[in-house]
Amino acid sequence: MPMLIRLARIDQVPEGTTKKVKAHGTRLALSNAGGRFEARDADGRAYRIEVRGSHVYVAIDPDPNAAPAEVQQNSRAPHPIG
């Protein structure tokens, strides 16, 4: 089961910018494009993002090989701010 890890406050990643973050040993680029957050690793793999309150979280599976395919492939659409 994926766990949510807090990456940043919403105001730390203004629209049109990217912030380098680390989650559970994985380095990610957290981007805010048009009010939608996205996180990708160095290989370009996208991660599921959750915005809760004033924080941005990423869903990371403790064992990525055991995660369901839809979690690994991040089939969910980006979450808008607001």
Protein backbone atom coordinates (compact mmCIF):
# COMPACT_ATOMS: atom_id res chain seq x y z
CA MET A 1 0.00 0.00 0.00
CA PRO A 2 1.45 3.40 -0.96
CA MET A 3 2.28 5.86 1.77
CA LEU A 4 1.89 9.63 1.43
CA ILE A 5 5.03 11.64 2.07
CA ARG A 6 4.91 15.42 2.43
CA LEU A 7 7.12 17.09 -0.17
CA ALA A 8 6.55 20.81 0.24
CA ARG A 9 4.13 23.59 1.08
CA ILE A 10 2.16 24.84 -1.90
CA ASP A 11 3.74 28.29 -1.61
CA GLN A 12 7.25 26.78 -1.88
CA VAL A 13 6.56 25.83 -5.53
CA PRO A 14 5.09 28.87 -7.29
CA GLU A 15 3.29 28.36 -10.59
CA GLY A 16 5.74 27.75 -13.44
CA THR A 17 8.57 26.50 -11.21
CA THR A 18 10.19 23.21 -10.23
CA LYS A 19 11.69 22.28 -6.86
CA LYS A 20 14.05 19.37 -6.22
CA VAL A 21 12.84 17.21 -3.33
CA LYS A 22 13.60 13.82 -1.80
CA ALA A 23 10.97 11.29 -0.72
CA HIS A 24 11.77 7.92 0.87
CA GLY A 25 15.25 7.94 -0.70
CA THR A 26 13.98 8.92 -4.16
CA ARG A 27 14.98 12.24 -5.70
CA LEU A 28 12.10 13.96 -7.44
CA ALA A 29 11.44 17.13 -9.39
CA LEU A 30 8.20 18.67 -8.08
CA SER A 31 6.66 21.01 -10.66
CA ASN A 32 3.72 23.39 -10.59
CA ALA A 33 2.41 23.87 -14.12
CA GLY A 34 -0.70 25.97 -14.39
CA GLY A 35 -1.76 25.12 -10.84
CA ARG A 36 -1.26 21.38 -11.33
CA PHE A 37 1.48 19.62 -9.40
CA GLU A 38 3.56 16.84 -10.89
CA ALA A 39 6.51 14.83 -9.54
CA ARG A 40 8.98 12.92 -11.70
CA ASP A 41 12.16 11.02 -10.94
CA ALA A 42 15.42 11.16 -12.92
CA ASP A 43 14.12 8.50 -15.32
CA GLY A 44 11.03 10.59 -16.10
CA ARG A 45 8.62 8.30 -14.24
CA ALA A 46 5.64 10.26 -12.86
CA TYR A 47 4.41 9.83 -9.29
CA ARG A 48 0.90 10.32 -7.91
CA ILE A 49 0.47 13.66 -6.15
CA GLU A 50 -2.04 14.64 -3.46
CA VAL A 51 -2.69 18.23 -2.38
CA ARG A 52 -4.08 18.40 1.14
CA GLY A 53 -4.55 21.74 2.81
CA SER A 54 -1.44 23.81 2.18
CA HIS A 55 0.89 20.84 1.49
CA VAL A 56 1.81 18.67 -1.49
CA TYR A 57 2.27 14.93 -0.90
CA VAL A 58 3.57 12.12 -3.10
CA ALA A 59 2.42 8.49 -2.98
CA ILE A 60 5.46 6.23 -2.61
CA ASP A 61 5.24 2.49 -2.23
CA PRO A 62 7.73 1.07 0.28
CA ASP A 63 8.26 -1.80 -2.19
CA PRO A 64 7.71 -0.43 -5.72
CA ASN A 65 7.82 -3.91 -7.26
CA ALA A 66 4.84 -4.96 -5.13
CA ALA A 67 2.74 -1.90 -5.99
CA PRO A 68 -0.24 -2.34 -8.31
CA ALA A 69 0.50 -1.38 -11.92
CA GLU A 70 -1.86 1.61 -11.82
CA VAL A 71 0.12 3.06 -8.90
CA GLN A 72 3.48 2.41 -10.57
CA GLN A 73 2.33 4.04 -13.82
CA ASN A 74 0.51 6.97 -12.19
CA SER A 75 -2.62 6.76 -14.33
CA ARG A 76 -4.28 9.46 -12.27
CA ALA A 77 -4.62 12.97 -13.68
CA PRO A 78 -2.71 15.84 -11.98
CA HIS A 79 -4.56 17.51 -9.12
CA PRO A 80 -5.43 21.21 -9.59
CA ILE A 81 -4.87 23.73 -6.82
CA GLY A 82 -7.94 25.28 -5.36
